[in-house]
């Protein structure tokens, strides 16, 4: 029960960070938090049954999440090098 609540809290914090934060680095961090919550939820589901498939999915997902995080950080760094800003700003010239 505790792990399920922790997974729900991580997913909620990750979604909140994705929606509210304009900084891309914080969005990457929020996405990782969301992924950690989902992996924890899969672990909770796997612990209740004797099926090893959810555990294998979590291990595979962790590897994919690490690669996606590395790619996202490289893209944020490249965006910062090109534009000088690493945030998503709304265009203020529109009426």
C-alpha atoms as a PDB file:
ATOM      1  CA  UNK A   1       0.000   0.000   0.000  1.00  0.00           C
ATOM      2  CA  UNK A   2       2.805   2.407   0.856  1.00  0.00           C
ATOM      3  CA  UNK A   3       4.607   1.788  -2.414  1.00  0.00           C
ATOM      4  CA  UNK A   4       1.406   2.324  -4.367  1.00  0.00           C
ATOM      5  CA  UNK A   5       0.855   5.685  -2.670  1.00  0.00           C
ATOM      6  CA  UNK A   6       4.470   6.659  -3.287  1.00  0.00           C
ATOM      7  CA  UNK A   7       4.113   5.717  -6.954  1.00  0.00           C
ATOM      8  CA  UNK A   8       0.955   7.821  -7.216  1.00  0.00           C
ATOM      9  CA  UNK A   9       2.700  10.781  -5.583  1.00  0.00           C
ATOM     10  CA  UNK A  10       5.663  10.501  -7.972  1.00  0.00           C
ATOM     11  CA  UNK A  11       3.366  10.360 -10.998  1.00  0.00           C
ATOM     12  CA  UNK A  12       1.379  13.353  -9.738  1.00  0.00           C
ATOM     13  CA  UNK A  13       4.521  15.415  -9.051  1.00  0.00           C
ATOM     14  CA  UNK A  14       5.937  14.498 -12.437  1.00  0.00           C
ATOM     15  CA  UNK A  15       2.770  15.545 -14.253  1.00  0.00           C
ATOM     16  CA  UNK A  16       2.616  18.784 -12.266  1.00  0.00           C
ATOM     17  CA  UNK A  17       6.221  19.575 -13.157  1.00  0.00           C
ATOM     18  CA  UNK A  18       5.666  18.829 -16.837  1.00  0.00           C
ATOM     19  CA  UNK A  19       2.678  21.155 -17.007  1.00  0.00           C
ATOM     20  CA  UNK A  20       3.879  24.071 -14.887  1.00  0.00           C
ATOM     21  CA  UNK A  21       7.632  24.406 -15.429  1.00  0.00           C
ATOM     22  CA  UNK A  22       8.866  26.505 -18.374  1.00  0.00           C
ATOM     23  CA  UNK A  23      12.520  25.435 -17.978  1.00  0.00           C
ATOM     24  CA  UNK A  24      13.365  22.456 -20.171  1.00  0.00           C
ATOM     25  CA  UNK A  25      15.838  20.991 -17.698  1.00  0.00           C
ATOM     26  CA  UNK A  26      13.115  20.920 -15.058  1.00  0.00           C
ATOM     27  CA  UNK A  27      10.759  19.313 -17.571  1.00  0.00           C
ATOM     28  CA  UNK A  28      13.317  16.544 -18.168  1.00  0.00           C
ATOM     29  CA  UNK A  29      13.606  16.069 -14.407  1.00  0.00           C
ATOM     30  CA  UNK A  30       9.808  15.974 -14.057  1.00  0.00           C
ATOM     31  CA  UNK A  31       9.595  13.423 -16.868  1.00  0.00           C
ATOM     32  CA  UNK A  32      12.125  11.235 -15.039  1.00  0.00           C
ATOM     33  CA  UNK A  33      10.100  11.582 -11.855  1.00  0.00           C
ATOM     34  CA  UNK A  34       6.979  10.523 -13.743  1.00  0.00           C
ATOM     35  CA  UNK A  35       8.825   7.533 -15.189  1.00  0.00           C
ATOM     36  CA  UNK A  36      10.109   6.540 -11.758  1.00  0.00           C
ATOM     37  CA  UNK A  37       6.551   6.555 -10.463  1.00  0.00           C
ATOM     38  CA  UNK A  38       5.374   4.367 -13.319  1.00  0.00           C
ATOM     39  CA  UNK A  39       8.253   1.928 -12.774  1.00  0.00           C
ATOM     40  CA  UNK A  40       7.449   1.784  -9.068  1.00  0.00           C
ATOM     41  CA  UNK A  41       3.813   1.116  -9.907  1.00  0.00           C
ATOM     42  CA  UNK A  42       4.858  -1.733 -12.209  1.00  0.00           C
ATOM     43  CA  UNK A  43       6.991  -3.090  -9.366  1.00  0.00           C
ATOM     44  CA  UNK A  44       4.013  -3.008  -7.020  1.00  0.00           C
ATOM     45  CA  UNK A  45       1.905  -4.872  -9.563  1.00  0.00           C
ATOM     46  CA  UNK A  46       4.682  -7.416 -10.118  1.00  0.00           C
ATOM     47  CA  UNK A  47       5.078  -8.043  -6.393  1.00  0.00           C
ATOM     48  CA  UNK A  48       1.443  -9.089  -6.051  1.00  0.00           C
ATOM     49  CA  UNK A  49       1.636 -11.803  -8.691  1.00  0.00           C
ATOM     50  CA  UNK A  50       4.190 -14.406  -9.574  1.00  0.00           C
ATOM     51  CA  UNK A  51       4.555 -13.109 -13.138  1.00  0.00           C
ATOM     52  CA  UNK A  52       8.126 -12.010 -14.009  1.00  0.00           C
ATOM     53  CA  UNK A  53       7.000 -10.026 -17.083  1.00  0.00           C
ATOM     54  CA  UNK A  54       6.363  -6.706 -15.247  1.00  0.00           C
ATOM     55  CA  UNK A  55       9.805  -6.949 -13.650  1.00  0.00           C
ATOM     56  CA  UNK A  56      11.398  -7.458 -17.057  1.00  0.00           C
ATOM     57  CA  UNK A  57       9.454  -4.472 -18.378  1.00  0.00           C
ATOM     58  CA  UNK A  58      10.757  -2.307 -15.527  1.00  0.00           C
ATOM     59  CA  UNK A  59      14.368  -3.273 -16.217  1.00  0.00           C
ATOM     60  CA  UNK A  60      13.952  -2.603 -19.931  1.00  0.00           C
ATOM     61  CA  UNK A  61      12.137   0.642 -19.200  1.00  0.00           C
ATOM     62  CA  UNK A  62      14.942   1.867 -16.966  1.00  0.00           C
ATOM     63  CA  UNK A  63      17.463   1.386 -19.762  1.00  0.00           C
ATOM     64  CA  UNK A  64      15.214   3.165 -22.265  1.00  0.00           C
ATOM     65  CA  UNK A  65      14.535   5.989 -19.781  1.00  0.00           C
ATOM     66  CA  UNK A  66      18.269   6.481 -19.255  1.00  0.00           C
ATOM     67  CA  UNK A  67      18.867   6.711 -23.001  1.00  0.00           C
ATOM     68  CA  UNK A  68      15.915   9.079 -23.463  1.00  0.00           C
ATOM     69  CA  UNK A  69      17.179  11.291 -20.636  1.00  0.00           C
ATOM     70  CA  UNK A  70      20.636  11.451 -22.182  1.00  0.00           C
ATOM     71  CA  UNK A  71      19.137  12.396 -25.554  1.00  0.00           C
ATOM     72  CA  UNK A  72      16.870  15.026 -23.971  1.00  0.00           C
ATOM     73  CA  UNK A  73      19.777  16.602 -22.098  1.00  0.00           C
ATOM     74  CA  UNK A  74      21.879  16.767 -25.261  1.00  0.00           C
ATOM     75  CA  UNK A  75      18.979  18.414 -27.103  1.00  0.00           C
ATOM     76  CA  UNK A  76      18.488  20.952 -24.278  1.00  0.00           C
ATOM     77  CA  UNK A  77      22.205  21.716 -24.317  1.00  0.00           C
ATOM     78  CA  UNK A  78      22.153  22.187 -28.090  1.00  0.00           C
ATOM     79  CA  UNK A  79      19.093  24.450 -27.827  1.00  0.00           C
ATOM     80  CA  UNK A  80      20.906  26.518 -25.208  1.00  0.00           C
ATOM     81  CA  UNK A  81      23.963  26.805 -27.446  1.00  0.00           C
ATOM     82  CA  UNK A  82      21.870  27.975 -30.393  1.00  0.00           C
ATOM     83  CA  UNK A  83      19.351  30.276 -28.708  1.00  0.00           C
ATOM     84  CA  UNK A  84      21.046  31.196 -25.445  1.00  0.00           C
ATOM     85  CA  UNK A  85      17.963  30.154 -23.460  1.00  0.00           C
ATOM     86  CA  UNK A  86      16.787  26.814 -22.204  1.00  0.00           C
ATOM     87  CA  UNK A  87      13.167  27.702 -21.503  1.00  0.00           C
ATOM     88  CA  UNK A  88       9.972  27.547 -23.450  1.00  0.00           C
ATOM     89  CA  UNK A  89       8.854  31.170 -23.653  1.00  0.00           C
ATOM     90  CA  UNK A  90       5.646  32.292 -25.252  1.00  0.00           C
ATOM     91  CA  UNK A  91       5.938  34.650 -28.179  1.00  0.00           C
ATOM     92  CA  UNK A  92       5.089  38.120 -26.813  1.00  0.00           C
ATOM     93  CA  UNK A  93       4.830  39.771 -30.217  1.00  0.00           C
ATOM     94  CA  UNK A  94       1.460  38.199 -30.963  1.00  0.00           C
ATOM     95  CA  UNK A  95      -1.552  40.439 -30.275  1.00  0.00           C
END
